[in-house]
Amino acid sequence: MINVLCIGNSFSRNSSRYLHSISPDITVVNLYIGGCPLDRHFRNMHSGERAYALQVNGVDTGFYVSLDEALLNRPWDFISFQQASPFSTKYESYEPYLTELSDYVKALCPNAKQIIHETWAYENESDKLINLMGYKTHGEMYADIHKAYEKAAKSINADLVIPSGKLFSVLVENGFKVHLDTFHANRLGECALGLLWCKCLTGKSASDNPYSDFGEGVSDEDIAKIKKITDTL
């Protein structure tokens, strides 16, 4: 059994929705606050506030927990960090919060491997991409996201980087629609993210995974193509 804790927001919720279904030997817990940036996780670390909606294997539990309660709940194999998407292109927004969080997690969970979850860029021609973030294309935004997360991974000597942003970039280039509201993942996007996380955590080929029950609107043909793309990353 692999135990995974995501210190995240709605993007880690997207990424973890199908993970347990794809690989039942993975238990994934997401600490959810919508749009939560690293500086707020940092403040929660100090306050001990039960600010996080607890999501287990893609399902809301109705419980709220503090960061400490989650970290001490079980022996975690992997713990992930990510920046909130509006700040993800600017590395200066990551620090000193990421390093402090990483050190804190190491103190409480010394055996857990630390993950940097590289989040994704917004949909081409969307209002958020152009007017909020100031980019013309998905690719331009992703390039800056990638640079920032590369620095983030080095800053904490991360054990693993999950390239969700790269995956979305490649899928967009191949004509897939992966965004729900121009920035969150739609069902097909969540399918792809789950397959990527499973591959990164287990080292097993996505193409060899038999799971395909992603619901209406995700065809077997699309799943097969996404699995092949995932295996190239």
C-alpha atoms as a PDB file:
ATOM      1  CA  MET A   1       0.000   0.000   0.000  1.00  0.00           C
ATOM      2  CA  ILE A   2       1.230   3.483  -0.925  1.00  0.00           C
ATOM      3  CA  ASN A   3       0.069   6.435   1.194  1.00  0.00           C
ATOM      4  CA  VAL A   4       0.081   9.856  -0.461  1.00  0.00           C
ATOM      5  CA  LEU A   5      -0.709  13.232   1.137  1.00  0.00           C
ATOM      6  CA  CYS A   6      -1.319  16.287  -1.044  1.00  0.00           C
ATOM      7  CA  ILE A   7      -0.871  19.707   0.552  1.00  0.00           C
ATOM      8  CA  GLY A   8      -2.724  21.512  -2.162  1.00  0.00           C
ATOM      9  CA  ASN A   9      -5.944  22.988  -3.454  1.00  0.00           C
ATOM     10  CA  SER A  10      -8.393  22.327  -6.296  1.00  0.00           C
ATOM     11  CA  PHE A  11      -5.574  21.349  -8.661  1.00  0.00           C
ATOM     12  CA  SER A  12      -4.481  18.527  -6.352  1.00  0.00           C
ATOM     13  CA  ARG A  13      -8.162  17.628  -6.069  1.00  0.00           C
ATOM     14  CA  ASN A  14      -8.302  17.297  -9.858  1.00  0.00           C
ATOM     15  CA  SER A  15      -5.145  15.202  -9.817  1.00  0.00           C
ATOM     16  CA  SER A  16      -6.254  12.824  -7.057  1.00  0.00           C
ATOM     17  CA  ARG A  17      -9.881  12.251  -8.089  1.00  0.00           C
ATOM     18  CA  TYR A  18      -9.238   8.993  -9.992  1.00  0.00           C
ATOM     19  CA  LEU A  19      -5.893   7.938  -8.530  1.00  0.00           C
ATOM     20  CA  HIS A  20      -7.210   5.300  -6.106  1.00  0.00           C
ATOM     21  CA  SER A  21      -9.590   3.934  -8.739  1.00  0.00           C
ATOM     22  CA  ILE A  22      -6.729   3.591 -11.214  1.00  0.00           C
ATOM     23  CA  SER A  23      -4.500   1.950  -8.606  1.00  0.00           C
ATOM     24  CA  PRO A  24      -6.353   0.605  -5.530  1.00  0.00           C
ATOM     25  CA  ASP A  25      -3.067   0.046  -3.696  1.00  0.00           C
ATOM     26  CA  ILE A  26      -2.650   3.841  -3.537  1.00  0.00           C
ATOM     27  CA  THR A  27      -4.460   5.754  -0.791  1.00  0.00           C
ATOM     28  CA  VAL A  28      -4.440   9.467  -1.527  1.00  0.00           C
ATOM     29  CA  VAL A  29      -5.481  12.175   0.922  1.00  0.00           C
ATOM     30  CA  ASN A  30      -5.947  15.727  -0.328  1.00  0.00           C
ATOM     31  CA  LEU A  31      -5.891  18.704   2.036  1.00  0.00           C
ATOM     32  CA  TYR A  32      -8.283  21.034   0.272  1.00  0.00           C
ATOM     33  CA  ILE A  33      -8.679  24.788   0.422  1.00  0.00           C
ATOM     34  CA  GLY A  34      -9.800  26.284  -2.873  1.00  0.00           C
ATOM     35  CA  GLY A  35      -7.046  28.389  -4.456  1.00  0.00           C
ATOM     36  CA  CYS A  36      -4.736  27.909  -1.475  1.00  0.00           C
ATOM     37  CA  PRO A  37      -1.231  29.328  -2.067  1.00  0.00           C
ATOM     38  CA  LEU A  38       1.955  28.298  -0.296  1.00  0.00           C
ATOM     39  CA  ASP A  39       1.937  31.315   2.022  1.00  0.00           C
ATOM     40  CA  ARG A  40      -1.442  30.254   3.416  1.00  0.00           C
ATOM     41  CA  HIS A  41      -0.232  26.678   3.961  1.00  0.00           C
ATOM     42  CA  PHE A  42       2.691  28.269   5.797  1.00  0.00           C
ATOM     43  CA  ARG A  43       0.332  30.287   8.025  1.00  0.00           C
ATOM     44  CA  ASN A  44      -1.768  27.173   8.692  1.00  0.00           C
ATOM     45  CA  MET A  45       1.391  25.353   9.713  1.00  0.00           C
ATOM     46  CA  HIS A  46       1.967  27.941  12.429  1.00  0.00           C
ATOM     47  CA  SER A  47      -1.634  28.397  13.536  1.00  0.00           C
ATOM     48  CA  GLY A  48      -2.699  24.748  13.733  1.00  0.00           C
ATOM     49  CA  GLU A  49      -6.116  25.763  12.392  1.00  0.00           C
ATOM     50  CA  ARG A  50      -8.395  22.987  11.162  1.00  0.00           C
ATOM     51  CA  ALA A  51      -8.692  24.758   7.849  1.00  0.00           C
ATOM     52  CA  TYR A  52      -8.479  21.849   5.414  1.00  0.00           C
ATOM     53  CA  ALA A  53     -11.424  19.922   4.011  1.00  0.00           C
ATOM     54  CA  LEU A  54     -10.323  16.300   4.129  1.00  0.00           C
ATOM     55  CA  GLN A  55     -10.675  14.398   0.858  1.00  0.00           C
ATOM     56  CA  VAL A  56      -9.811  10.697   0.760  1.00  0.00           C
ATOM     57  CA  ASN A  57      -9.441   8.813  -2.516  1.00  0.00           C
ATOM     58  CA  GLY A  58     -11.209  11.564  -4.416  1.00  0.00           C
ATOM     59  CA  VAL A  59     -14.185  11.793  -2.044  1.00  0.00           C
ATOM     60  CA  ASP A  60     -15.126  14.584   0.378  1.00  0.00           C
ATOM     61  CA  THR A  61     -15.337  13.245   3.928  1.00  0.00           C
ATOM     62  CA  GLY A  62     -17.044  16.269   5.525  1.00  0.00           C
ATOM     63  CA  PHE A  63     -14.232  16.516   8.092  1.00  0.00           C
ATOM     64  CA  TYR A  64     -11.799  19.389   8.591  1.00  0.00           C
ATOM     65  CA  VAL A  65      -8.260  18.866   9.837  1.00  0.00           C
ATOM     66  CA  SER A  66      -5.132  20.822  10.650  1.00  0.00           C
ATOM     67  CA  LEU A  67      -1.862  20.284   8.831  1.00  0.00           C
ATOM     68  CA  ASP A  68      -0.368  18.619  11.916  1.00  0.00           C
ATOM     69  CA  GLU A  69      -3.280  16.207  12.264  1.00  0.00           C
ATOM     70  CA  ALA A  70      -2.892  15.139   8.657  1.00  0.00           C
ATOM     71  CA  LEU A  71       0.883  14.775   8.792  1.00  0.00           C
ATOM     72  CA  LEU A  72       0.727  12.640  11.947  1.00  0.00           C
ATOM     73  CA  ASN A  73      -2.240  10.544  10.797  1.00  0.00           C
ATOM     74  CA  ARG A  74      -0.210   7.733   9.270  1.00  0.00           C
ATOM     75  CA  PRO A  75       3.263   6.907   7.889  1.00  0.00           C
ATOM     76  CA  TRP A  76       3.193   8.715   4.560  1.00  0.00           C
ATOM     77  CA  ASP A  77       5.208   7.447   1.621  1.00  0.00           C
ATOM     78  CA  PHE A  78       4.819  10.640  -0.424  1.00  0.00           C
ATOM     79  CA  ILE A  79       3.846  14.222   0.452  1.00  0.00           C
ATOM     80  CA  SER A  80       3.286  16.781  -2.308  1.00  0.00           C
ATOM     81  CA  PHE A  81       3.582  20.554  -2.480  1.00  0.00           C
ATOM     82  CA  GLN A  82       2.343  22.952  -5.142  1.00  0.00           C
ATOM     83  CA  GLN A  83       1.793  26.651  -5.641  1.00  0.00           C
ATOM     84  CA  ALA A  84      -1.654  28.123  -6.351  1.00  0.00           C
ATOM     85  CA  SER A  85      -2.015  28.512 -10.097  1.00  0.00           C
ATOM     86  CA  PRO A  86      -2.261  32.349 -10.286  1.00  0.00           C
ATOM     87  CA  PHE A  87       1.154  32.565  -8.584  1.00  0.00           C
ATOM     88  CA  SER A  88       2.732  29.505 -10.181  1.00  0.00           C
ATOM     89  CA  THR A  89       4.723  31.436 -12.801  1.00  0.00           C
ATOM     90  CA  LYS A  90       6.550  33.584 -10.218  1.00  0.00           C
ATOM     91  CA  TYR A  91       9.167  31.712  -8.213  1.00  0.00           C
ATOM     92  CA  GLU A  92       9.499  34.629  -5.777  1.00  0.00           C
ATOM     93  CA  SER A  93       5.984  33.758  -4.527  1.00  0.00           C
ATOM     94  CA  TYR A  94       7.146  30.281  -3.471  1.00  0.00           C
ATOM     95  CA  GLU A  95       9.686  31.353  -0.874  1.00  0.00           C
ATOM     96  CA  PRO A  96      10.383  31.342   1.972  1.00  0.00           C
ATOM     97  CA  TYR A  97       7.152  29.384   2.424  1.00  0.00           C
ATOM     98  CA  LEU A  98       8.039  26.248   0.462  1.00  0.00           C
ATOM     99  CA  THR A  99      11.379  25.727   2.189  1.00  0.00           C
ATOM    100  CA  GLU A 100       9.834  26.249   5.634  1.00  0.00           C
ATOM    101  CA  LEU A 101       7.003  23.815   4.853  1.00  0.00           C
ATOM    102  CA  SER A 102       9.440  21.249   3.516  1.00  0.00           C
ATOM    103  CA  ASP A 103      11.604  21.439   6.640  1.00  0.00           C
ATOM    104  CA  TYR A 104       8.535  21.132   8.848  1.00  0.00           C
ATOM    105  CA  VAL A 105       7.285  18.090   6.963  1.00  0.00           C
ATOM    106  CA  LYS A 106      10.734  16.491   7.175  1.00  0.00           C
ATOM    107  CA  ALA A 107      10.716  16.954  10.938  1.00  0.00           C
ATOM    108  CA  LEU A 108       7.324  15.290  11.381  1.00  0.00           C
ATOM    109  CA  CYS A 109       7.526  12.756   8.523  1.00  0.00           C
ATOM    110  CA  PRO A 110      11.235  12.031   8.005  1.00  0.00           C
ATOM    111  CA  ASN A 111      10.630   8.901   5.938  1.00  0.00           C
ATOM    112  CA  ALA A 112       8.225  10.474   3.449  1.00  0.00           C
ATOM    113  CA  LYS A 113       9.472  11.333  -0.023  1.00  0.00           C
ATOM    114  CA  GLN A 114       8.699  14.906  -0.996  1.00  0.00           C
ATOM    115  CA  ILE A 115       6.960  15.655  -4.280  1.00  0.00           C
ATOM    116  CA  ILE A 116       6.806  18.856  -6.260  1.00  0.00           C
ATOM    117  CA  HIS A 117       3.541  18.841  -8.203  1.00  0.00           C
ATOM    118  CA  GLU A 118       4.067  20.944 -11.320  1.00  0.00           C
ATOM    119  CA  THR A 119       0.643  22.400 -12.071  1.00  0.00           C
ATOM    120  CA  TRP A 120      -0.662  23.402 -15.508  1.00  0.00           C
ATOM    121  CA  ALA A 121      -1.330  26.451 -17.641  1.00  0.00           C
ATOM    122  CA  TYR A 122      -4.718  27.860 -18.566  1.00  0.00           C
ATOM    123  CA  GLU A 123      -6.675  27.199 -21.739  1.00  0.00           C
ATOM    124  CA  ASN A 124      -5.719  29.000 -24.935  1.00  0.00           C
ATOM    125  CA  GLU A 125      -7.572  32.287 -25.513  1.00  0.00           C
ATOM    126  CA  SER A 126      -9.207  32.214 -22.079  1.00  0.00           C
ATOM    127  CA  ASP A 127      -9.855  35.431 -20.176  1.00  0.00           C
ATOM    128  CA  LYS A 128      -7.796  34.198 -17.231  1.00  0.00           C
ATOM    129  CA  LEU A 129      -4.836  33.387 -19.453  1.00  0.00           C
ATOM    130  CA  ILE A 130      -4.844  36.738 -21.242  1.00  0.00           C
ATOM    131  CA  ASN A 131      -6.193  39.266 -18.753  1.00  0.00           C
ATOM    132  CA  LEU A 132      -5.269  37.722 -15.382  1.00  0.00           C
ATOM    133  CA  MET A 133      -1.928  36.136 -16.247  1.00  0.00           C
ATOM    134  CA  GLY A 134      -0.888  38.302 -19.207  1.00  0.00           C
ATOM    135  CA  TYR A 135      -0.071  35.506 -21.653  1.00  0.00           C
ATOM    136  CA  LYS A 136      -1.112  34.955 -25.253  1.00  0.00           C
ATOM    137  CA  THR A 137      -0.905  31.158 -25.308  1.00  0.00           C
ATOM    138  CA  HIS A 138      -1.047  28.133 -23.034  1.00  0.00           C
ATOM    139  CA  GLY A 139       2.528  27.342 -24.056  1.00  0.00           C
ATOM    140  CA  GLU A 140       3.880  30.719 -22.936  1.00  0.00           C
ATOM    141  CA  MET A 141       2.342  30.342 -19.483  1.00  0.00           C
ATOM    142  CA  TYR A 142       3.542  26.756 -19.154  1.00  0.00           C
ATOM    143  CA  ALA A 143       7.124  27.759 -19.972  1.00  0.00           C
ATOM    144  CA  ASP A 144       7.192  30.096 -16.965  1.00  0.00           C
ATOM    145  CA  ILE A 145       5.436  27.559 -14.748  1.00  0.00           C
ATOM    146  CA  HIS A 146       8.057  24.965 -15.640  1.00  0.00           C
ATOM    147  CA  LYS A 147      10.943  27.309 -14.826  1.00  0.00           C
ATOM    148  CA  ALA A 148       9.439  28.185 -11.437  1.00  0.00           C
ATOM    149  CA  TYR A 149       8.784  24.585 -10.466  1.00  0.00           C
ATOM    150  CA  GLU A 150      12.295  23.544 -11.545  1.00  0.00           C
ATOM    151  CA  LYS A 151      13.681  26.069  -9.061  1.00  0.00           C
ATOM    152  CA  ALA A 152      11.186  24.902  -6.424  1.00  0.00           C
ATOM    153  CA  ALA A 153      12.253  21.278  -6.798  1.00  0.00           C
ATOM    154  CA  LYS A 154      15.915  22.223  -6.407  1.00  0.00           C
ATOM    155  CA  SER A 155      15.219  24.444  -3.415  1.00  0.00           C
ATOM    156  CA  ILE A 156      13.878  21.542  -1.340  1.00  0.00           C
ATOM    157  CA  ASN A 157      15.854  18.780  -3.059  1.00  0.00           C
ATOM    158  CA  ALA A 158      12.569  17.117  -4.002  1.00  0.00           C
ATOM    159  CA  ASP A 159      12.544  13.351  -4.408  1.00  0.00           C
ATOM    160  CA  LEU A 160      10.072  13.486  -7.281  1.00  0.00           C
ATOM    161  CA  VAL A 161       8.493  15.983  -9.679  1.00  0.00           C
ATOM    162  CA  ILE A 162       5.103  15.103 -11.143  1.00  0.00           C
ATOM    163  CA  PRO A 163       4.899  16.963 -14.490  1.00  0.00           C
ATOM    164  CA  SER A 164       1.159  17.598 -14.684  1.00  0.00           C
ATOM    165  CA  GLY A 165       1.830  20.881 -16.461  1.00  0.00           C
ATOM    166  CA  LYS A 166       3.928  19.143 -19.115  1.00  0.00           C
ATOM    167  CA  LEU A 167       1.235  16.505 -19.585  1.00  0.00           C
ATOM    168  CA  PHE A 168      -1.464  19.124 -20.177  1.00  0.00           C
ATOM    169  CA  SER A 169       0.813  21.005 -22.554  1.00  0.00           C
ATOM    170  CA  VAL A 170       1.396  17.884 -24.660  1.00  0.00           C
ATOM    171  CA  LEU A 171      -2.289  16.948 -24.597  1.00  0.00           C
ATOM    172  CA  VAL A 172      -3.278  20.447 -25.740  1.00  0.00           C
ATOM    173  CA  GLU A 173      -0.717  20.218 -28.554  1.00  0.00           C
ATOM    174  CA  ASN A 174      -2.347  16.932 -29.589  1.00  0.00           C
ATOM    175  CA  GLY A 175      -5.811  18.467 -29.791  1.00  0.00           C
ATOM    176  CA  PHE A 176      -7.284  17.270 -26.502  1.00  0.00           C
ATOM    177  CA  LYS A 177      -9.577  19.529 -24.493  1.00  0.00           C
ATOM    178  CA  VAL A 178      -8.458  19.078 -20.904  1.00  0.00           C
ATOM    179  CA  HIS A 179      -9.831  22.224 -19.197  1.00  0.00           C
ATOM    180  CA  LEU A 180     -13.257  22.495 -17.572  1.00  0.00           C
ATOM    181  CA  ASP A 181     -13.623  26.227 -17.003  1.00  0.00           C
ATOM    182  CA  THR A 182     -10.431  27.302 -18.789  1.00  0.00           C
ATOM    183  CA  PHE A 183      -8.254  26.510 -15.764  1.00  0.00           C
ATOM    184  CA  HIS A 184      -9.442  23.470 -13.774  1.00  0.00           C
ATOM    185  CA  ALA A 185      -9.258  19.984 -15.288  1.00  0.00           C
ATOM    186  CA  ASN A 186     -12.288  18.457 -16.963  1.00  0.00           C
ATOM    187  CA  ARG A 187     -13.051  14.754 -16.637  1.00  0.00           C
ATOM    188  CA  LEU A 188     -10.661  13.787 -19.422  1.00  0.00           C
ATOM    189  CA  GLY A 189      -7.999  15.957 -17.816  1.00  0.00           C
ATOM    190  CA  GLU A 190      -8.581  14.289 -14.427  1.00  0.00           C
ATOM    191  CA  CYS A 191      -8.281  10.905 -16.115  1.00  0.00           C
ATOM    192  CA  ALA A 192      -4.927  11.906 -17.589  1.00  0.00           C
ATOM    193  CA  LEU A 193      -3.687  13.341 -14.295  1.00  0.00           C
ATOM    194  CA  GLY A 194      -4.587  10.186 -12.395  1.00  0.00           C
ATOM    195  CA  LEU A 195      -2.725   8.049 -14.902  1.00  0.00           C
ATOM    196  CA  LEU A 196       0.329  10.304 -14.681  1.00  0.00           C
ATOM    197  CA  TRP A 197       0.403  10.302 -10.887  1.00  0.00           C
ATOM    198  CA  CYS A 198       0.044   6.521 -10.847  1.00  0.00           C
ATOM    199  CA  LYS A 199       2.939   6.116 -13.291  1.00  0.00           C
ATOM    200  CA  CYS A 200       5.168   8.509 -11.312  1.00  0.00           C
ATOM    201  CA  LEU A 201       4.418   6.945  -7.931  1.00  0.00           C
ATOM    202  CA  THR A 202       4.639   3.287  -8.959  1.00  0.00           C
ATOM    203  CA  GLY A 203       6.996   3.342 -11.931  1.00  0.00           C
ATOM    204  CA  LYS A 204       4.517   1.201 -13.857  1.00  0.00           C
ATOM    205  CA  SER A 205       3.481   1.906 -17.437  1.00  0.00           C
ATOM    206  CA  ALA A 206       0.180   3.748 -17.887  1.00  0.00           C
ATOM    207  CA  SER A 207      -0.488   1.704 -21.024  1.00  0.00           C
ATOM    208  CA  ASP A 208      -0.402  -1.493 -18.963  1.00  0.00           C
ATOM    209  CA  ASN A 209      -3.030  -0.199 -16.526  1.00  0.00           C
ATOM    210  CA  PRO A 210      -6.411  -1.772 -17.362  1.00  0.00           C
ATOM    211  CA  TYR A 211      -8.592   0.850 -15.676  1.00  0.00           C
ATOM    212  CA  SER A 212     -10.900   2.651 -18.108  1.00  0.00           C
ATOM    213  CA  ASP A 213     -14.093   3.472 -16.175  1.00  0.00           C
ATOM    214  CA  PHE A 214     -13.829   7.275 -16.398  1.00  0.00           C
ATOM    215  CA  GLY A 215     -17.489   7.804 -17.213  1.00  0.00           C
ATOM    216  CA  GLU A 216     -19.442   9.259 -20.076  1.00  0.00           C
ATOM    217  CA  GLY A 217     -17.548  11.504 -22.476  1.00  0.00           C
ATOM    218  CA  VAL A 218     -14.167   9.757 -22.174  1.00  0.00           C
ATOM    219  CA  SER A 219     -13.802   7.235 -24.990  1.00  0.00           C
ATOM    220  CA  ASP A 220     -11.666   4.096 -24.972  1.00  0.00           C
ATOM    221  CA  GLU A 221      -9.772   5.557 -27.939  1.00  0.00           C
ATOM    222  CA  ASP A 222      -8.940   8.736 -26.022  1.00  0.00           C
ATOM    223  CA  ILE A 223      -7.854   6.745 -22.973  1.00  0.00           C
ATOM    224  CA  ALA A 224      -5.500   4.633 -25.086  1.00  0.00           C
ATOM    225  CA  LYS A 225      -3.954   7.765 -26.631  1.00  0.00           C
ATOM    226  CA  ILE A 226      -3.596   9.468 -23.244  1.00  0.00           C
ATOM    227  CA  LYS A 227      -1.908   6.395 -21.772  1.00  0.00           C
ATOM    228  CA  LYS A 228       0.640   6.384 -24.597  1.00  0.00           C
ATOM    229  CA  ILE A 229       1.351  10.096 -24.142  1.00  0.00           C
ATOM    230  CA  THR A 230       1.691   9.659 -20.381  1.00  0.00           C
ATOM    231  CA  ASP A 231       4.282   6.950 -20.899  1.00  0.00           C
ATOM    232  CA  THR A 232       6.475   9.387 -22.857  1.00  0.00           C
ATOM    233  CA  LEU A 233       6.842  11.757 -19.885  1.00  0.00           C
END
